[in-house]
Amino acid sequence: MLRLLQIELQKLKYNKSAKAISIIYFALICFIALIVSIEFNFGGVKFRVADQGIFNFPFIWHFNTWMAAILKIFLAIVIVSMMANEYSYSTLKQNLIDGLSKKEFVLSKFLTVIIYALVSTIFVFIISMILGLIFSDYNEIGIIFSDMEYLVAYFIKLVGFFSLCLFLGVLVKRSAFAIGFLVIWWIVEVILFLLMKFQFFKDTDIAENVTQFFPLSAMSNLIVEPFTRLGAVQSAASQLGEELTKNYDVQFLDLGIVIVWTALFIFWSYAILKKRDL
């Protein structure tokens, strides 16, 4: 397994576009953290987003993982281009000639997916910890390390999403087409949800209950948007006579659905390569 990982890391070492996109991804996470921590002055009124409680422990784990997950498309480009390059430069065929089995090849790609997801999760953890220790009003150990399940959900979400990208890269062979196919996949899920919600099953929860098993919807459900969880938003809603009762917890069902889809994407990637004449 270590040998397979070394092969992939060696390929990434000389892939300038992959390194550039990865750097942009991590830089954007830092940039967002920097922007929200800057104090702005509007006509003598000082305002800083960080003072609104978004960096309070344990809320910061929820907020930062949700924000970082939005940027995952950058690493998705790395994954699909990594697979496309295998076809473009015939490295896949050469690896197989050198004795690497198709099963080992897919496993090596999956290991790369896990490494990318793990490094991203660790990076978000470090950034969140630094920001939280600087801006949080609550610094008790028990509070700091509560709600850590959002980091687990973030890791699983990235692994699932990158596995989907890997599958699409294997399926269509070209990075641009793979990204396009990903967009189409998302549009199809949205259209199916809207049809069920407003055409076939009005005034019921059937649309939500069905679409929660769709891959992209399941990944999205892992980390629910955090903004309505803020105290200021809750207070404003109460004053307007509204009650926000959304469940913000990480659900085991959503974790299980994404893990199953991840396994399917990896299996399908292997099945396609096994049958394809390279």
C-alpha atoms as a PDB file:
ATOM      1  CA  MET A   1       0.000   0.000   0.000  1.00  0.00           C
ATOM      2  CA  LEU A   2       2.880   2.326   0.794  1.00  0.00           C
ATOM      3  CA  ARG A   3       4.389   1.522  -2.609  1.00  0.00           C
ATOM      4  CA  LEU A   4       1.145   2.508  -4.343  1.00  0.00           C
ATOM      5  CA  LEU A   5       1.015   5.787  -2.466  1.00  0.00           C
ATOM      6  CA  GLN A   6       4.628   6.547  -3.341  1.00  0.00           C
ATOM      7  CA  ILE A   7       3.840   6.029  -7.041  1.00  0.00           C
ATOM      8  CA  GLU A   8       0.990   8.548  -6.888  1.00  0.00           C
ATOM      9  CA  LEU A   9       2.935  11.086  -4.864  1.00  0.00           C
ATOM     10  CA  GLN A  10       5.748  10.856  -7.397  1.00  0.00           C
ATOM     11  CA  LYS A  11       3.282  11.676 -10.189  1.00  0.00           C
ATOM     12  CA  LEU A  12       1.829  14.615  -8.249  1.00  0.00           C
ATOM     13  CA  LYS A  13       5.324  15.907  -7.532  1.00  0.00           C
ATOM     14  CA  TYR A  14       5.818  16.699 -11.219  1.00  0.00           C
ATOM     15  CA  ASN A  15       2.245  17.824 -11.867  1.00  0.00           C
ATOM     16  CA  LYS A  16       2.524  21.611 -11.794  1.00  0.00           C
ATOM     17  CA  SER A  17      -1.181  22.259 -12.344  1.00  0.00           C
ATOM     18  CA  ALA A  18      -2.143  19.975  -9.441  1.00  0.00           C
ATOM     19  CA  LYS A  19       0.282  21.747  -7.132  1.00  0.00           C
ATOM     20  CA  ALA A  20      -0.930  25.179  -8.254  1.00  0.00           C
ATOM     21  CA  ILE A  21      -4.620  24.339  -7.768  1.00  0.00           C
ATOM     22  CA  SER A  22      -3.927  22.749  -4.381  1.00  0.00           C
ATOM     23  CA  ILE A  23      -2.061  25.861  -3.237  1.00  0.00           C
ATOM     24  CA  ILE A  24      -4.946  28.056  -4.429  1.00  0.00           C
ATOM     25  CA  TYR A  25      -7.416  25.903  -2.482  1.00  0.00           C
ATOM     26  CA  PHE A  26      -5.557  26.175   0.815  1.00  0.00           C
ATOM     27  CA  ALA A  27      -4.781  29.853   0.198  1.00  0.00           C
ATOM     28  CA  LEU A  28      -8.483  30.603  -0.321  1.00  0.00           C
ATOM     29  CA  ILE A  29      -9.344  28.987   3.013  1.00  0.00           C
ATOM     30  CA  CYS A  30      -6.772  31.225   4.696  1.00  0.00           C
ATOM     31  CA  PHE A  31      -8.041  34.231   2.717  1.00  0.00           C
ATOM     32  CA  ILE A  32     -11.631  33.712   3.870  1.00  0.00           C
ATOM     33  CA  ALA A  33     -10.442  33.414   7.462  1.00  0.00           C
ATOM     34  CA  LEU A  34      -8.435  36.616   7.035  1.00  0.00           C
ATOM     35  CA  ILE A  35     -11.338  38.585   5.525  1.00  0.00           C
ATOM     36  CA  VAL A  36     -13.817  37.730   8.280  1.00  0.00           C
ATOM     37  CA  SER A  37     -11.275  38.605  10.965  1.00  0.00           C
ATOM     38  CA  ILE A  38     -10.517  42.090   9.560  1.00  0.00           C
ATOM     39  CA  GLU A  39     -12.216  45.054  11.220  1.00  0.00           C
ATOM     40  CA  PHE A  40     -13.972  47.296   8.670  1.00  0.00           C
ATOM     41  CA  ASN A  41     -14.917  50.935   9.232  1.00  0.00           C
ATOM     42  CA  PHE A  42     -18.138  52.113   7.575  1.00  0.00           C
ATOM     43  CA  GLY A  43     -18.689  55.821   8.198  1.00  0.00           C
ATOM     44  CA  GLY A  44     -17.258  55.628  11.666  1.00  0.00           C
ATOM     45  CA  VAL A  45     -19.054  52.388  12.497  1.00  0.00           C
ATOM     46  CA  LYS A  46     -16.590  49.584  13.122  1.00  0.00           C
ATOM     47  CA  PHE A  47     -17.638  46.096  12.113  1.00  0.00           C
ATOM     48  CA  ARG A  48     -15.894  42.737  12.125  1.00  0.00           C
ATOM     49  CA  VAL A  49     -17.575  39.500  11.109  1.00  0.00           C
ATOM     50  CA  ALA A  50     -15.503  37.560  13.631  1.00  0.00           C
ATOM     51  CA  ASP A  51     -17.226  39.496  16.440  1.00  0.00           C
ATOM     52  CA  GLN A  52     -20.593  37.999  15.457  1.00  0.00           C
ATOM     53  CA  GLY A  53     -19.694  34.702  17.094  1.00  0.00           C
ATOM     54  CA  ILE A  54     -18.753  32.660  14.029  1.00  0.00           C
ATOM     55  CA  PHE A  55     -15.363  31.847  15.574  1.00  0.00           C
ATOM     56  CA  ASN A  56     -16.727  30.848  18.957  1.00  0.00           C
ATOM     57  CA  PHE A  57     -16.064  27.296  20.059  1.00  0.00           C
ATOM     58  CA  PRO A  58     -17.687  24.930  19.248  1.00  0.00           C
ATOM     59  CA  PHE A  59     -19.616  26.753  16.471  1.00  0.00           C
ATOM     60  CA  ILE A  60     -16.377  27.346  14.555  1.00  0.00           C
ATOM     61  CA  TRP A  61     -16.087  23.631  13.710  1.00  0.00           C
ATOM     62  CA  HIS A  62     -19.477  23.783  12.022  1.00  0.00           C
ATOM     63  CA  PHE A  63     -18.878  27.100  10.252  1.00  0.00           C
ATOM     64  CA  ASN A  64     -15.370  26.444   8.957  1.00  0.00           C
ATOM     65  CA  THR A  65     -16.034  22.919   7.681  1.00  0.00           C
ATOM     66  CA  TRP A  66     -19.127  24.172   5.833  1.00  0.00           C
ATOM     67  CA  MET A  67     -17.215  27.076   4.285  1.00  0.00           C
ATOM     68  CA  ALA A  68     -14.202  24.956   3.333  1.00  0.00           C
ATOM     69  CA  ALA A  69     -16.465  22.343   1.736  1.00  0.00           C
ATOM     70  CA  ILE A  70     -17.688  24.980  -0.742  1.00  0.00           C
ATOM     71  CA  LEU A  71     -14.152  25.211  -2.120  1.00  0.00           C
ATOM     72  CA  LYS A  72     -13.777  21.463  -2.633  1.00  0.00           C
ATOM     73  CA  ILE A  73     -14.330  21.901  -6.381  1.00  0.00           C
ATOM     74  CA  PHE A  74     -10.707  23.081  -6.639  1.00  0.00           C
ATOM     75  CA  LEU A  75      -9.396  19.765  -5.368  1.00  0.00           C
ATOM     76  CA  ALA A  76     -11.994  17.996  -7.508  1.00  0.00           C
ATOM     77  CA  ILE A  77     -10.250  19.500 -10.553  1.00  0.00           C
ATOM     78  CA  VAL A  78      -6.996  17.983  -9.301  1.00  0.00           C
ATOM     79  CA  ILE A  79      -8.605  14.545  -8.961  1.00  0.00           C
ATOM     80  CA  VAL A  80     -10.188  14.469 -12.432  1.00  0.00           C
ATOM     81  CA  SER A  81      -7.115  15.945 -14.110  1.00  0.00           C
ATOM     82  CA  MET A  82      -4.973  13.384 -12.293  1.00  0.00           C
ATOM     83  CA  MET A  83      -7.071  10.632 -13.870  1.00  0.00           C
ATOM     84  CA  ALA A  84      -7.230  12.336 -17.279  1.00  0.00           C
ATOM     85  CA  ASN A  85      -3.437  12.617 -17.354  1.00  0.00           C
ATOM     86  CA  GLU A  86      -3.188   8.855 -16.951  1.00  0.00           C
ATOM     87  CA  TYR A  87      -4.876   8.502 -20.338  1.00  0.00           C
ATOM     88  CA  SER A  88      -3.295  11.533 -22.023  1.00  0.00           C
ATOM     89  CA  TYR A  89       0.279  10.563 -21.152  1.00  0.00           C
ATOM     90  CA  SER A  90      -0.305   6.777 -21.284  1.00  0.00           C
ATOM     91  CA  THR A  91       1.039   6.393 -17.733  1.00  0.00           C
ATOM     92  CA  LEU A  92      -1.852   4.053 -16.928  1.00  0.00           C
ATOM     93  CA  LYS A  93      -0.818   1.667 -19.690  1.00  0.00           C
ATOM     94  CA  GLN A  94       2.821   1.944 -18.642  1.00  0.00           C
ATOM     95  CA  ASN A  95       1.950   1.185 -14.995  1.00  0.00           C
ATOM     96  CA  LEU A  96       0.098  -1.935 -16.091  1.00  0.00           C
ATOM     97  CA  ILE A  97       3.025  -2.997 -18.296  1.00  0.00           C
ATOM     98  CA  ASP A  98       5.354  -2.528 -15.315  1.00  0.00           C
ATOM     99  CA  GLY A  99       3.310  -5.021 -13.303  1.00  0.00           C
ATOM    100  CA  LEU A 100       0.723  -2.892 -11.527  1.00  0.00           C
ATOM    101  CA  SER A 101      -2.689  -4.569 -11.572  1.00  0.00           C
ATOM    102  CA  LYS A 102      -5.843  -2.619 -12.354  1.00  0.00           C
ATOM    103  CA  LYS A 103      -7.033  -3.252  -8.811  1.00  0.00           C
ATOM    104  CA  GLU A 104      -3.806  -1.786  -7.420  1.00  0.00           C
ATOM    105  CA  PHE A 105      -4.097   1.174  -9.777  1.00  0.00           C
ATOM    106  CA  VAL A 106      -7.592   2.080  -8.528  1.00  0.00           C
ATOM    107  CA  LEU A 107      -6.444   1.534  -4.950  1.00  0.00           C
ATOM    108  CA  SER A 108      -3.532   3.915  -5.505  1.00  0.00           C
ATOM    109  CA  LYS A 109      -5.953   6.587  -6.734  1.00  0.00           C
ATOM    110  CA  PHE A 110      -8.251   6.015  -3.785  1.00  0.00           C
ATOM    111  CA  LEU A 111      -5.304   6.385  -1.415  1.00  0.00           C
ATOM    112  CA  THR A 112      -4.561   9.735  -3.061  1.00  0.00           C
ATOM    113  CA  VAL A 113      -8.190  10.745  -2.503  1.00  0.00           C
ATOM    114  CA  ILE A 114      -7.894   9.855   1.176  1.00  0.00           C
ATOM    115  CA  ILE A 115      -4.626  11.772   1.532  1.00  0.00           C
ATOM    116  CA  TYR A 116      -6.110  14.893  -0.044  1.00  0.00           C
ATOM    117  CA  ALA A 117      -9.168  14.671   2.204  1.00  0.00           C
ATOM    118  CA  LEU A 118      -7.047  14.033   5.295  1.00  0.00           C
ATOM    119  CA  VAL A 119      -4.626  16.901   4.613  1.00  0.00           C
ATOM    120  CA  SER A 120      -7.544  19.252   3.982  1.00  0.00           C
ATOM    121  CA  THR A 121      -9.247  18.160   7.217  1.00  0.00           C
ATOM    122  CA  ILE A 122      -6.070  18.657   9.241  1.00  0.00           C
ATOM    123  CA  PHE A 123      -5.576  22.076   7.640  1.00  0.00           C
ATOM    124  CA  VAL A 124      -9.135  23.158   8.505  1.00  0.00           C
ATOM    125  CA  PHE A 125      -8.608  21.867  12.050  1.00  0.00           C
ATOM    126  CA  ILE A 126      -5.432  23.934  12.480  1.00  0.00           C
ATOM    127  CA  ILE A 127      -6.961  27.102  10.988  1.00  0.00           C
ATOM    128  CA  SER A 128     -10.094  26.701  13.111  1.00  0.00           C
ATOM    129  CA  MET A 129      -8.094  26.087  16.266  1.00  0.00           C
ATOM    130  CA  ILE A 130      -5.969  29.198  15.715  1.00  0.00           C
ATOM    131  CA  LEU A 131      -8.961  31.422  14.933  1.00  0.00           C
ATOM    132  CA  GLY A 132     -10.958  29.981  17.808  1.00  0.00           C
ATOM    133  CA  LEU A 133      -8.182  30.541  20.356  1.00  0.00           C
ATOM    134  CA  ILE A 134      -7.883  34.157  19.150  1.00  0.00           C
ATOM    135  CA  PHE A 135     -11.548  35.148  18.800  1.00  0.00           C
ATOM    136  CA  SER A 136     -13.681  32.681  20.762  1.00  0.00           C
ATOM    137  CA  ASP A 137     -15.427  33.815  23.941  1.00  0.00           C
ATOM    138  CA  TYR A 138     -15.284  30.255  25.250  1.00  0.00           C
ATOM    139  CA  ASN A 139     -11.912  28.609  25.777  1.00  0.00           C
ATOM    140  CA  GLU A 140     -12.699  25.748  28.158  1.00  0.00           C
ATOM    141  CA  ILE A 141     -11.201  22.444  26.995  1.00  0.00           C
ATOM    142  CA  GLY A 142     -14.576  20.697  27.076  1.00  0.00           C
ATOM    143  CA  ILE A 143     -16.129  23.354  24.837  1.00  0.00           C
ATOM    144  CA  ILE A 144     -13.160  23.592  22.457  1.00  0.00           C
ATOM    145  CA  PHE A 145     -13.236  19.878  21.648  1.00  0.00           C
ATOM    146  CA  SER A 146     -17.009  19.482  21.436  1.00  0.00           C
ATOM    147  CA  ASP A 147     -18.815  19.174  18.080  1.00  0.00           C
ATOM    148  CA  MET A 148     -15.699  17.641  16.533  1.00  0.00           C
ATOM    149  CA  GLU A 149     -17.989  15.361  14.521  1.00  0.00           C
ATOM    150  CA  TYR A 150     -18.129  18.139  11.920  1.00  0.00           C
ATOM    151  CA  LEU A 151     -14.500  17.416  11.061  1.00  0.00           C
ATOM    152  CA  VAL A 152     -15.355  13.730  10.640  1.00  0.00           C
ATOM    153  CA  ALA A 153     -18.286  14.686   8.412  1.00  0.00           C
ATOM    154  CA  TYR A 154     -16.019  17.022   6.426  1.00  0.00           C
ATOM    155  CA  PHE A 155     -13.484  14.234   5.867  1.00  0.00           C
ATOM    156  CA  ILE A 156     -16.173  11.748   4.780  1.00  0.00           C
ATOM    157  CA  LYS A 157     -17.740  14.389   2.537  1.00  0.00           C
ATOM    158  CA  LEU A 158     -14.435  15.057   0.755  1.00  0.00           C
ATOM    159  CA  VAL A 159     -13.643  11.362   0.350  1.00  0.00           C
ATOM    160  CA  GLY A 160     -17.095  10.760  -1.125  1.00  0.00           C
ATOM    161  CA  PHE A 161     -16.946  13.764  -3.450  1.00  0.00           C
ATOM    162  CA  PHE A 162     -13.414  13.007  -4.645  1.00  0.00           C
ATOM    163  CA  SER A 163     -14.374   9.359  -5.210  1.00  0.00           C
ATOM    164  CA  LEU A 164     -17.228  10.562  -7.432  1.00  0.00           C
ATOM    165  CA  CYS A 165     -14.749  12.765  -9.328  1.00  0.00           C
ATOM    166  CA  LEU A 166     -12.380   9.821  -9.675  1.00  0.00           C
ATOM    167  CA  PHE A 167     -15.192   7.685 -11.069  1.00  0.00           C
ATOM    168  CA  LEU A 168     -16.133  10.388 -13.582  1.00  0.00           C
ATOM    169  CA  GLY A 169     -12.470  10.774 -14.561  1.00  0.00           C
ATOM    170  CA  VAL A 170     -12.259   7.046 -15.246  1.00  0.00           C
ATOM    171  CA  LEU A 171     -15.594   7.067 -17.079  1.00  0.00           C
ATOM    172  CA  VAL A 172     -15.067   9.966 -19.511  1.00  0.00           C
ATOM    173  CA  LYS A 173     -11.237  10.188 -19.601  1.00  0.00           C
ATOM    174  CA  ARG A 174     -11.119  13.984 -20.014  1.00  0.00           C
ATOM    175  CA  SER A 175     -11.046  16.411 -17.093  1.00  0.00           C
ATOM    176  CA  ALA A 176     -13.214  19.086 -18.748  1.00  0.00           C
ATOM    177  CA  PHE A 177     -15.893  16.540 -19.669  1.00  0.00           C
ATOM    178  CA  ALA A 178     -15.703  15.009 -16.172  1.00  0.00           C
ATOM    179  CA  ILE A 179     -16.351  18.384 -14.518  1.00  0.00           C
ATOM    180  CA  GLY A 180     -19.149  19.026 -17.015  1.00  0.00           C
ATOM    181  CA  PHE A 181     -20.663  15.642 -16.213  1.00  0.00           C
ATOM    182  CA  LEU A 182     -20.450  16.520 -12.506  1.00  0.00           C
ATOM    183  CA  VAL A 183     -22.410  19.728 -13.111  1.00  0.00           C
ATOM    184  CA  ILE A 184     -25.022  17.810 -15.119  1.00  0.00           C
ATOM    185  CA  TRP A 185     -25.284  15.234 -12.308  1.00  0.00           C
ATOM    186  CA  TRP A 186     -25.993  18.057  -9.839  1.00  0.00           C
ATOM    187  CA  ILE A 187     -28.589  19.649 -12.148  1.00  0.00           C
ATOM    188  CA  VAL A 188     -30.368  16.306 -12.554  1.00  0.00           C
ATOM    189  CA  GLU A 189     -30.568  15.864  -8.778  1.00  0.00           C
ATOM    190  CA  VAL A 190     -31.988  19.377  -8.378  1.00  0.00           C
ATOM    191  CA  ILE A 191     -34.561  18.861 -11.150  1.00  0.00           C
ATOM    192  CA  LEU A 192     -35.687  15.526  -9.691  1.00  0.00           C
ATOM    193  CA  PHE A 193     -36.077  17.131  -6.265  1.00  0.00           C
ATOM    194  CA  LEU A 194     -38.113  20.045  -7.655  1.00  0.00           C
ATOM    195  CA  LEU A 195     -40.359  17.730  -9.669  1.00  0.00           C
ATOM    196  CA  MET A 196     -41.083  15.561  -6.649  1.00  0.00           C
ATOM    197  CA  LYS A 197     -41.498  18.519  -4.296  1.00  0.00           C
ATOM    198  CA  PHE A 198     -43.734  20.733  -6.411  1.00  0.00           C
ATOM    199  CA  GLN A 199     -45.254  18.420  -9.027  1.00  0.00           C
ATOM    200  CA  PHE A 200     -45.741  14.841  -7.857  1.00  0.00           C
ATOM    201  CA  PHE A 201     -45.672  14.896  -4.052  1.00  0.00           C
ATOM    202  CA  LYS A 202     -46.862  18.318  -2.949  1.00  0.00           C
ATOM    203  CA  ASP A 203     -47.173  19.113   0.778  1.00  0.00           C
ATOM    204  CA  THR A 204     -45.237  15.993   1.793  1.00  0.00           C
ATOM    205  CA  ASP A 205     -41.678  15.126   2.833  1.00  0.00           C
ATOM    206  CA  ILE A 206     -41.339  12.425   0.172  1.00  0.00           C
ATOM    207  CA  ALA A 207     -38.993  14.547  -1.973  1.00  0.00           C
ATOM    208  CA  GLU A 208     -36.590  15.087   0.941  1.00  0.00           C
ATOM    209  CA  ASN A 209     -36.813  11.446   2.017  1.00  0.00           C
ATOM    210  CA  VAL A 210     -35.984  10.214  -1.487  1.00  0.00           C
ATOM    211  CA  THR A 211     -33.312  12.720  -2.516  1.00  0.00           C
ATOM    212  CA  GLN A 212     -31.376  12.235   0.721  1.00  0.00           C
ATOM    213  CA  PHE A 213     -30.141   9.007  -0.883  1.00  0.00           C
ATOM    214  CA  PHE A 214     -28.805  10.813  -3.974  1.00  0.00           C
ATOM    215  CA  PRO A 215     -24.991  11.093  -3.803  1.00  0.00           C
ATOM    216  CA  LEU A 216     -24.543  14.871  -4.014  1.00  0.00           C
ATOM    217  CA  SER A 217     -27.574  15.525  -1.818  1.00  0.00           C
ATOM    218  CA  ALA A 218     -26.264  13.107   0.793  1.00  0.00           C
ATOM    219  CA  MET A 219     -22.879  14.837   0.777  1.00  0.00           C
ATOM    220  CA  SER A 220     -24.591  18.215   1.126  1.00  0.00           C
ATOM    221  CA  ASN A 221     -26.711  16.948   4.025  1.00  0.00           C
ATOM    222  CA  LEU A 222     -23.638  15.926   6.010  1.00  0.00           C
ATOM    223  CA  ILE A 223     -22.954  19.521   7.062  1.00  0.00           C
ATOM    224  CA  VAL A 224     -26.061  21.707   7.205  1.00  0.00           C
ATOM    225  CA  GLU A 225     -25.680  25.468   6.614  1.00  0.00           C
ATOM    226  CA  PRO A 226     -24.593  27.074   9.915  1.00  0.00           C
ATOM    227  CA  PHE A 227     -25.876  30.649   9.615  1.00  0.00           C
ATOM    228  CA  THR A 228     -29.370  30.108  10.999  1.00  0.00           C
ATOM    229  CA  ARG A 229     -27.736  28.528  14.047  1.00  0.00           C
ATOM    230  CA  LEU A 230     -26.227  31.883  15.087  1.00  0.00           C
ATOM    231  CA  GLY A 231     -27.782  33.499  18.142  1.00  0.00           C
ATOM    232  CA  ALA A 232     -28.374  36.791  16.309  1.00  0.00           C
ATOM    233  CA  VAL A 233     -30.279  35.019  13.537  1.00  0.00           C
ATOM    234  CA  GLN A 234     -32.294  33.005  16.047  1.00  0.00           C
ATOM    235  CA  SER A 235     -33.219  36.184  17.951  1.00  0.00           C
ATOM    236  CA  ALA A 236     -34.202  38.009  14.771  1.00  0.00           C
ATOM    237  CA  ALA A 237     -36.412  35.083  13.731  1.00  0.00           C
ATOM    238  CA  SER A 238     -38.097  35.044  17.164  1.00  0.00           C
ATOM    239  CA  GLN A 239     -38.873  38.743  16.925  1.00  0.00           C
ATOM    240  CA  LEU A 240     -40.519  38.119  13.557  1.00  0.00           C
ATOM    241  CA  GLY A 241     -42.575  35.315  15.042  1.00  0.00           C
ATOM    242  CA  GLU A 242     -40.624  32.557  13.315  1.00  0.00           C
ATOM    243  CA  GLU A 243     -39.066  29.564  15.027  1.00  0.00           C
ATOM    244  CA  LEU A 244     -36.017  27.908  13.477  1.00  0.00           C
ATOM    245  CA  THR A 245     -36.121  24.221  14.376  1.00  0.00           C
ATOM    246  CA  LYS A 246     -33.573  22.859  11.912  1.00  0.00           C
ATOM    247  CA  ASN A 247     -31.441  19.918  13.076  1.00  0.00           C
ATOM    248  CA  TYR A 248     -27.785  20.901  12.704  1.00  0.00           C
ATOM    249  CA  ASP A 249     -26.295  17.649  14.005  1.00  0.00           C
ATOM    250  CA  VAL A 250     -24.288  15.284  11.816  1.00  0.00           C
ATOM    251  CA  GLN A 251     -26.594  12.366  11.083  1.00  0.00           C
ATOM    252  CA  PHE A 252     -25.353   8.769  11.068  1.00  0.00           C
ATOM    253  CA  LEU A 253     -27.715   7.972   8.188  1.00  0.00           C
ATOM    254  CA  ASP A 254     -26.090  10.645   6.006  1.00  0.00           C
ATOM    255  CA  LEU A 255     -22.632   9.355   6.933  1.00  0.00           C
ATOM    256  CA  GLY A 256     -23.679   5.822   6.008  1.00  0.00           C
ATOM    257  CA  ILE A 257     -25.191   6.897   2.671  1.00  0.00           C
ATOM    258  CA  VAL A 258     -22.032   8.763   1.648  1.00  0.00           C
ATOM    259  CA  ILE A 259     -19.799   5.852   2.686  1.00  0.00           C
ATOM    260  CA  VAL A 260     -21.900   3.438   0.598  1.00  0.00           C
ATOM    261  CA  TRP A 261     -21.736   5.768  -2.425  1.00  0.00           C
ATOM    262  CA  THR A 262     -17.965   6.080  -1.946  1.00  0.00           C
ATOM    263  CA  ALA A 263     -17.609   2.293  -2.044  1.00  0.00           C
ATOM    264  CA  LEU A 264     -19.792   2.137  -5.164  1.00  0.00           C
ATOM    265  CA  PHE A 265     -17.805   4.817  -6.983  1.00  0.00           C
ATOM    266  CA  ILE A 266     -14.520   3.033  -6.286  1.00  0.00           C
ATOM    267  CA  PHE A 267     -15.984  -0.332  -7.285  1.00  0.00           C
ATOM    268  CA  TRP A 268     -17.440   1.107 -10.496  1.00  0.00           C
ATOM    269  CA  SER A 269     -14.109   2.739 -11.315  1.00  0.00           C
ATOM    270  CA  TYR A 270     -12.425  -0.642 -10.996  1.00  0.00           C
ATOM    271  CA  ALA A 271     -15.182  -2.389 -12.983  1.00  0.00           C
ATOM    272  CA  ILE A 272     -14.812   0.081 -15.872  1.00  0.00           C
ATOM    273  CA  LEU A 273     -11.027  -0.283 -15.974  1.00  0.00           C
ATOM    274  CA  LYS A 274     -11.289  -4.061 -15.724  1.00  0.00           C
ATOM    275  CA  LYS A 275     -13.525  -4.265 -18.804  1.00  0.00           C
ATOM    276  CA  ARG A 276     -11.900  -1.454 -20.802  1.00  0.00           C
ATOM    277  CA  ASP A 277      -9.255  -2.301 -23.387  1.00  0.00           C
ATOM    278  CA  LEU A 278      -6.316  -0.023 -22.557  1.00  0.00           C
END
